[in-house]
Amino acid sequence: MKVKKENIAISLGIIDLLLLSSGFENRSKELSNCLNRSKIKNSILFHLDDNYIIAGKNKSEIVSKLDIKNIVEYPKNDSYATYNILFEEITKKISNINKQKISVVVDVTAFSREILLILIKVLTNDLFQNKLQLKFVHTPVDNYCENEKLWLTKGVREIRPVFGYSGLMTPSKKLLLIVLNGFEDERTETIIDSFEPNALVLGNPSLKGSINAGLKSLADEKYEKIKSKFNSILKKEIEFSCVDIRTTINILKKINDEFKDEYNIVISPLNNKTSTIAVALSAILYENIQVSYASANQYNISKQLSSTNFFLVYDVTEFLVHIVKIKSGLKKRPVKSVVPKVQPKNLSRNSK
């Protein structure tokens, strides 16, 4: 749901727990600048411990604006430690909120895709079953490209399964890689080359599912480049949404239903946070799916991208209820043995 910036505080109402992160982009401050601190009962600001100087400045501004007392640092490239830190801090806060239904709002804008996936895994833990009224808020980019020299990331340090999303892999099955393509050619190509999948499902944002026509045009250009390079293993083309979580979840469900008997399925979300949320919920709903992440060597912090005049707001409470029902059904089934997860090929030639 699109909400104008001037209406976001009223739309979100009383917030029992606000979770947000500081980043190097000015967009990481957009939501905090629009909220009323008197409506926020508890808050946690997460901050990467080895971050850019500008991210530290943005952190200070957010803390000052919302009077945040709880600032939590998490380590770089240590997903296990990060999960434990997030789980401990969030559990501590929620346990001290004496309400039957707790309103939790997550500003997903400045979290990396990997940390966002881990955070969603924490919030869908059995410990919080039926306790949360959960909303995600995203500040989209209005325009990624003013000229051909603009880049977002350079280099790929490591490709790894996201902690909590290893999936259930069967050694006898072939590998199907699903890529929700975005604007980072090098990242996409490195992931596909690394996995060497037997089959590739390539996703491109639909026109209806794009933030605007300009971003759709750029996405199409990037998509065609990847498609032409990996056409020999291309099994299927799909369109997904960068504005509607449900649409993307439904598409991924269809792909999973079609190919899960023949293939081990790995998804790499390489577009915006909305589609990443959809991938997270899909992988939690369908436990056979593995989610993979490619960490970047370098981010372009010199180019500040403009944001839209609205926020994207998603109430995912109904998905939490659905997850609870599925988990309850799984507990009644015989337990299956978990086999080793799919690992990509060695990336030493790309690491710095």
Protein backbone atom coordinates (compact mmCIF):
# COMPACT_ATOMS: atom_id res chain seq x y z
CA MET A 1 0.00 0.00 0.00
CA LYS A 2 1.32 3.44 -0.94
CA VAL A 3 1.12 6.06 1.81
CA LYS A 4 2.07 9.69 1.25
CA LYS A 5 4.89 10.82 3.50
CA GLU A 6 2.75 13.42 5.22
CA ASN A 7 0.20 10.74 6.16
CA ILE A 8 2.51 7.97 7.39
CA ALA A 9 2.43 8.85 11.11
CA ILE A 10 -1.37 8.74 11.17
CA SER A 11 -1.45 5.58 9.06
CA LEU A 12 0.87 3.66 11.41
CA GLY A 13 -0.78 4.93 14.60
CA ILE A 14 0.63 3.85 17.97
CA ILE A 15 3.81 1.79 17.52
CA ASP A 16 4.67 -0.57 20.38
CA LEU A 17 8.05 -1.44 18.86
CA LEU A 18 9.88 0.29 16.01
CA LEU A 19 12.80 -1.54 14.40
CA LEU A 20 15.04 0.36 12.00
CA SER A 21 18.58 0.63 10.70
CA SER A 22 20.93 3.45 9.79
CA GLY A 23 22.65 3.35 6.43
CA PHE A 24 24.81 5.47 4.13
CA GLU A 25 21.84 6.68 2.08
CA ASN A 26 19.74 9.65 3.15
CA ARG A 27 16.71 7.44 2.54
CA SER A 28 17.49 5.70 5.82
CA LYS A 29 16.27 8.86 7.61
CA GLU A 30 13.04 9.40 5.67
CA LEU A 31 10.66 7.47 7.93
CA SER A 32 12.15 8.75 11.18
CA ASN A 33 11.76 12.32 9.89
CA CYS A 34 8.05 11.73 9.35
CA LEU A 35 7.17 9.98 12.62
CA ASN A 36 5.95 11.45 15.90
CA ARG A 37 8.17 10.22 18.74
CA SER A 38 5.26 10.42 21.22
CA LYS A 39 3.51 7.64 19.26
CA ILE A 40 6.50 5.26 19.57
CA LYS A 41 6.57 3.28 22.81
CA ASN A 42 9.77 1.29 22.22
CA SER A 43 12.45 1.32 19.54
CA ILE A 44 15.68 -0.39 18.51
CA LEU A 45 18.10 1.06 16.00
CA PHE A 46 20.40 -1.57 14.46
CA HIS A 47 23.76 -0.43 13.10
CA LEU A 48 26.50 -2.32 11.27
CA ASP A 49 29.64 -2.15 13.42
CA ASP A 50 31.99 -1.65 10.45
CA ASN A 51 30.13 0.94 8.40
CA TYR A 52 30.76 4.09 6.39
CA ILE A 53 31.25 7.40 8.24
CA ILE A 54 28.13 8.83 6.64
CA ALA A 55 26.10 5.94 8.06
CA GLY A 56 27.27 6.97 11.53
CA LYS A 57 26.12 10.53 10.89
CA ASN A 58 22.72 9.30 9.73
CA LYS A 59 22.51 7.14 12.86
CA SER A 60 23.07 10.19 15.07
CA GLU A 61 20.33 12.13 13.29
CA ILE A 62 17.82 9.29 13.62
CA VAL A 63 18.65 8.81 17.31
CA SER A 64 18.23 12.52 17.96
CA LYS A 65 14.96 12.81 16.04
CA LEU A 66 13.24 9.86 17.74
CA ASP A 67 15.13 9.95 21.06
CA ILE A 68 16.20 6.32 20.63
CA LYS A 69 17.92 4.82 23.67
CA ASN A 70 18.53 1.28 22.41
CA ILE A 71 21.25 1.20 19.73
CA VAL A 72 22.44 -2.29 18.79
CA GLU A 73 25.49 -3.03 16.67
CA TYR A 74 25.85 -6.24 14.69
CA PRO A 75 28.96 -7.64 12.94
CA LYS A 76 29.77 -7.64 9.26
CA ASN A 77 29.61 -10.97 7.39
CA ASP A 78 28.70 -13.03 10.46
CA SER A 79 25.09 -14.07 9.95
CA TYR A 80 24.98 -16.52 12.87
CA ALA A 81 26.11 -13.88 15.36
CA THR A 82 23.77 -11.34 13.78
CA TYR A 83 20.77 -13.65 14.12
CA ASN A 84 21.53 -14.20 17.80
CA ILE A 85 21.93 -10.48 18.46
CA LEU A 86 18.68 -9.59 16.69
CA PHE A 87 16.79 -12.42 18.38
CA GLU A 88 18.05 -11.54 21.87
CA GLU A 89 17.36 -7.80 21.59
CA ILE A 90 13.91 -8.17 20.02
CA THR A 91 12.86 -10.91 22.45
CA LYS A 92 13.94 -8.75 25.38
CA LYS A 93 11.84 -5.82 24.16
CA ILE A 94 8.75 -7.84 23.30
CA SER A 95 8.78 -9.73 26.62
CA ASN A 96 8.51 -6.38 28.42
CA ILE A 97 5.46 -5.23 26.44
CA ASN A 98 2.35 -6.32 28.29
CA LYS A 99 -0.17 -6.48 25.45
CA GLN A 100 -2.10 -9.29 23.83
CA LYS A 101 -1.24 -8.01 20.34
CA ILE A 102 1.95 -6.00 19.89
CA SER A 103 2.24 -3.47 17.06
CA VAL A 104 5.68 -3.89 15.47
CA VAL A 105 6.82 -1.63 12.62
CA VAL A 106 10.01 -2.37 10.69
CA ASP A 107 11.63 0.27 8.50
CA VAL A 108 13.29 -2.06 5.99
CA THR A 109 14.93 0.69 3.90
CA ALA A 110 18.50 0.58 5.23
CA PHE A 111 18.82 -3.11 6.07
CA SER A 112 20.83 -5.12 3.55
CA ARG A 113 18.86 -7.88 1.85
CA GLU A 114 20.64 -10.50 3.94
CA ILE A 115 20.00 -8.78 7.28
CA LEU A 116 16.38 -8.16 6.30
CA LEU A 117 15.95 -11.87 5.56
CA ILE A 118 17.48 -12.75 8.94
CA LEU A 119 15.28 -10.20 10.71
CA ILE A 120 12.14 -11.68 9.14
CA LYS A 121 13.28 -15.12 10.28
CA VAL A 122 13.54 -13.77 13.83
CA LEU A 123 10.09 -12.17 13.73
CA THR A 124 8.46 -15.38 12.47
CA ASN A 125 9.95 -17.44 15.30
CA ASP A 126 7.52 -19.72 17.16
CA LEU A 127 8.11 -17.64 20.30
CA PHE A 128 6.14 -14.76 18.79
CA GLN A 129 3.24 -16.80 17.40
CA ASN A 130 -0.02 -14.83 17.38
CA LYS A 131 1.58 -11.98 19.35
CA LEU A 132 2.56 -9.53 16.62
CA GLN A 133 0.73 -7.05 14.43
CA LEU A 134 3.61 -6.71 11.97
CA LYS A 135 4.11 -4.00 9.37
CA PHE A 136 7.02 -3.34 7.03
CA VAL A 137 7.71 0.15 5.69
CA HIS A 138 9.97 0.84 2.71
CA THR A 139 11.21 4.10 1.20
CA PRO A 140 11.63 3.32 -2.53
CA VAL A 141 14.12 4.93 -4.88
CA ASP A 142 12.57 7.21 -7.48
CA ASN A 143 15.34 6.92 -10.07
CA TYR A 144 18.37 4.63 -10.11
CA CYS A 145 20.09 6.01 -13.16
CA GLU A 146 20.85 9.49 -14.46
CA ASN A 147 23.68 8.31 -16.70
CA GLU A 148 25.33 5.07 -17.75
CA LYS A 149 28.26 5.52 -15.37
CA LEU A 150 26.18 5.17 -12.22
CA TRP A 151 26.93 1.95 -10.36
CA LEU A 152 25.47 0.55 -7.15
CA THR A 153 28.00 -2.10 -6.11
CA LYS A 154 31.34 -3.46 -7.29
CA GLY A 155 32.78 -6.90 -6.75
CA VAL A 156 31.36 -9.95 -4.98
CA ARG A 157 33.05 -11.01 -1.76
CA GLU A 158 31.14 -14.19 -1.01
CA ILE A 159 28.03 -16.12 -2.03
CA ARG A 160 26.33 -17.97 0.80
CA PRO A 161 22.97 -19.39 1.88
CA VAL A 162 21.23 -16.94 4.20
CA PHE A 163 21.19 -18.12 7.81
CA GLY A 164 17.83 -19.76 8.51
CA TYR A 165 17.08 -20.31 4.81
CA SER A 166 19.21 -23.35 3.94
CA GLY A 167 16.24 -25.26 2.53
CA LEU A 168 15.82 -29.02 2.28
CA MET A 169 18.13 -30.23 -0.45
CA THR A 170 18.18 -33.71 -2.02
CA PRO A 171 21.54 -34.78 -3.54
CA SER A 172 19.85 -36.76 -6.32
CA LYS A 173 17.96 -33.73 -7.64
CA LYS A 174 19.22 -31.19 -10.16
CA LEU A 175 19.58 -27.51 -9.26
CA LEU A 176 17.13 -24.79 -10.29
CA LEU A 177 18.19 -21.21 -9.59
CA ILE A 178 15.54 -18.47 -9.45
CA VAL A 179 16.91 -14.94 -9.85
CA LEU A 180 14.71 -11.91 -9.23
CA ASN A 181 16.78 -9.60 -11.37
CA GLY A 182 17.59 -6.02 -10.49
CA PHE A 183 20.16 -3.45 -11.55
CA GLU A 184 23.46 -5.06 -10.51
CA ASP A 185 24.82 -6.99 -13.52
CA GLU A 186 28.04 -8.16 -11.88
CA ARG A 187 26.27 -9.57 -8.84
CA THR A 188 23.74 -11.43 -10.97
CA GLU A 189 26.31 -12.89 -13.36
CA THR A 190 28.59 -13.98 -10.51
CA ILE A 191 25.77 -15.76 -8.70
CA ILE A 192 24.70 -17.68 -11.80
CA ASP A 193 28.28 -18.54 -12.75
CA SER A 194 29.01 -19.67 -9.21
CA PHE A 195 26.03 -22.00 -8.83
CA GLU A 196 26.28 -23.41 -12.37
CA PRO A 197 22.59 -24.40 -12.18
CA ASN A 198 21.03 -27.04 -14.39
CA ALA A 199 18.15 -24.66 -15.03
CA LEU A 200 17.51 -20.96 -14.54
CA VAL A 201 14.25 -19.12 -13.86
CA LEU A 202 14.78 -15.43 -14.55
CA GLY A 203 12.45 -12.84 -13.07
CA ASN A 204 11.83 -9.30 -14.30
CA PRO A 205 9.54 -6.70 -12.65
CA SER A 206 6.25 -6.24 -14.46
CA LEU A 207 5.17 -2.77 -15.56
CA LYS A 208 2.33 -2.81 -13.03
CA GLY A 209 4.73 -4.09 -10.38
CA SER A 210 7.38 -1.41 -10.93
CA ILE A 211 7.85 1.76 -8.90
CA ASN A 212 7.66 3.84 -12.08
CA ALA A 213 8.11 3.59 -15.86
CA GLY A 214 11.70 4.85 -15.73
CA LEU A 215 12.81 2.08 -13.39
CA LYS A 216 10.90 -0.45 -15.48
CA SER A 217 12.78 0.64 -18.61
CA LEU A 218 16.15 0.27 -16.87
CA ALA A 219 15.14 -3.11 -15.42
CA ASP A 220 14.19 -4.35 -18.90
CA GLU A 221 17.58 -3.32 -20.26
CA LYS A 222 19.44 -5.15 -17.47
CA TYR A 223 17.17 -8.17 -17.81
CA GLU A 224 17.78 -8.60 -21.53
CA LYS A 225 21.53 -8.48 -20.96
CA ILE A 226 21.38 -11.31 -18.39
CA LYS A 227 18.89 -13.27 -20.47
CA SER A 228 21.08 -13.21 -23.57
CA LYS A 229 24.15 -14.36 -21.65
CA PHE A 230 22.45 -17.31 -19.92
CA ASN A 231 19.87 -18.25 -22.54
CA SER A 232 21.24 -21.80 -22.84
CA ILE A 233 20.08 -22.71 -19.30
CA LEU A 234 16.97 -20.49 -19.20
CA LYS A 235 14.06 -22.71 -18.21
CA LYS A 236 11.37 -20.12 -17.62
CA GLU A 237 10.80 -16.36 -17.54
CA ILE A 238 8.56 -14.78 -14.92
CA GLU A 239 7.34 -11.33 -13.95
CA PHE A 240 7.25 -10.32 -10.31
CA SER A 241 6.23 -7.23 -8.35
CA CYS A 242 8.34 -4.60 -6.62
CA VAL A 243 5.25 -3.08 -4.98
CA ASP A 244 3.02 -6.02 -4.04
CA ILE A 245 4.28 -8.81 -1.77
CA ARG A 246 1.33 -11.12 -2.38
CA THR A 247 1.81 -11.11 -6.17
CA THR A 248 5.43 -12.21 -5.90
CA ILE A 249 4.65 -14.87 -3.27
CA ASN A 250 1.98 -16.35 -5.54
CA ILE A 251 4.38 -16.46 -8.49
CA LEU A 252 7.11 -18.14 -6.44
CA LYS A 253 4.59 -20.68 -5.13
CA LYS A 254 3.65 -21.64 -8.69
CA ILE A 255 7.31 -22.08 -9.66
CA ASN A 256 7.99 -24.12 -6.54
CA ASP A 257 4.97 -26.35 -7.15
CA GLU A 258 6.01 -26.89 -10.78
CA PHE A 259 9.66 -27.78 -10.20
CA LYS A 260 10.17 -28.96 -6.60
CA ASP A 261 9.85 -32.68 -7.43
CA GLU A 262 12.63 -32.54 -10.02
CA TYR A 263 14.91 -29.80 -8.71
CA ASN A 264 16.50 -28.40 -5.58
CA ILE A 265 15.34 -24.78 -5.62
CA VAL A 266 17.51 -21.79 -4.72
CA ILE A 267 16.28 -18.19 -4.90
CA SER A 268 18.48 -15.11 -5.15
CA PRO A 269 16.55 -11.86 -4.55
CA LEU A 270 18.43 -9.08 -6.36
CA ASN A 271 15.78 -6.38 -6.64
CA ASN A 272 14.16 -4.16 -4.03
CA LYS A 273 13.18 -4.79 -0.40
CA THR A 274 9.55 -5.51 -1.30
CA SER A 275 10.46 -8.49 -3.47
CA THR A 276 13.01 -9.57 -0.83
CA ILE A 277 10.27 -9.68 1.81
CA ALA A 278 8.22 -11.83 -0.57
CA VAL A 279 11.15 -14.23 -1.00
CA ALA A 280 11.62 -14.48 2.77
CA LEU A 281 7.96 -15.31 3.42
CA SER A 282 7.92 -17.79 0.51
CA ALA A 283 10.96 -19.65 1.84
CA ILE A 284 9.44 -19.76 5.33
CA LEU A 285 6.14 -21.06 3.94
CA TYR A 286 7.84 -23.62 1.67
CA GLU A 287 10.72 -25.15 3.59
CA ASN A 288 12.36 -26.84 0.59
CA ILE A 289 13.48 -23.45 -0.78
CA GLN A 290 16.98 -22.14 -0.11
CA VAL A 291 17.74 -18.40 -0.26
CA SER A 292 21.19 -17.25 -1.36
CA TYR A 293 22.95 -13.92 -0.88
CA ALA A 294 25.96 -12.35 -2.61
CA SER A 295 27.83 -9.88 -0.42
CA ALA A 296 29.33 -6.92 -2.26
CA ASN A 297 32.92 -5.72 -1.95
CA GLN A 298 32.09 -2.05 -2.42
CA TYR A 299 29.01 0.20 -2.38
CA ASN A 300 28.72 3.50 -4.20
CA ILE A 301 28.17 5.97 -1.35
CA SER A 302 29.02 9.10 -3.36
CA LYS A 303 25.75 9.05 -5.28
CA GLN A 304 22.70 9.83 -3.15
CA LEU A 305 19.60 8.48 -4.89
CA SER A 306 16.33 10.39 -4.67
CA SER A 307 13.37 8.78 -2.93
CA THR A 308 9.70 8.75 -3.87
CA ASN A 309 7.16 11.02 -2.19
CA PHE A 310 5.48 7.99 -0.63
CA PHE A 311 6.23 4.97 1.53
CA LEU A 312 5.29 1.39 0.75
CA VAL A 313 3.56 -0.16 3.76
CA TYR A 314 2.84 -3.88 4.15
CA ASP A 315 0.79 -5.46 6.91
CA VAL A 316 2.06 -9.04 6.94
CA THR A 317 0.12 -10.20 10.00
CA GLU A 318 -2.06 -12.51 7.90
CA PHE A 319 1.07 -14.22 6.56
CA LEU A 320 2.22 -14.83 10.13
CA VAL A 321 -1.10 -16.56 10.84
CA HIS A 322 -0.67 -18.69 7.71
CA ILE A 323 2.88 -19.61 8.74
CA VAL A 324 1.61 -20.72 12.16
CA LYS A 325 -0.99 -22.98 10.51
CA ILE A 326 1.59 -24.54 8.19
CA LYS A 327 4.06 -25.10 11.03
CA SER A 328 1.31 -26.73 13.09
CA GLY A 329 0.62 -29.11 10.20
CA LEU A 330 4.31 -29.93 9.79
CA LYS A 331 4.63 -30.87 13.45
CA LYS A 332 2.03 -33.59 12.92
CA ARG A 333 4.02 -35.13 10.03
CA PRO A 334 6.88 -37.63 10.37
CA VAL A 335 10.23 -35.83 10.62
CA LYS A 336 12.36 -36.01 7.45
CA SER A 337 16.13 -36.08 7.56
CA VAL A 338 17.81 -32.86 6.49
CA VAL A 339 20.47 -33.30 3.81
CA PRO A 340 23.38 -30.96 3.07
CA LYS A 341 22.54 -27.57 1.58
CA VAL A 342 23.56 -26.52 -1.91
CA GLN A 343 26.84 -24.63 -1.94
CA PRO A 344 28.05 -22.43 -4.81
CA LYS A 345 31.42 -22.97 -6.44
CA ASN A 346 34.59 -21.37 -5.06
CA LEU A 347 34.62 -17.59 -5.46
CA SER A 348 38.26 -16.93 -4.73
CA ARG A 349 38.81 -15.30 -8.10
CA ASN A 350 36.22 -12.65 -7.28
CA SER A 351 37.14 -11.96 -3.67
CA LYS A 352 39.36 -9.14 -2.60
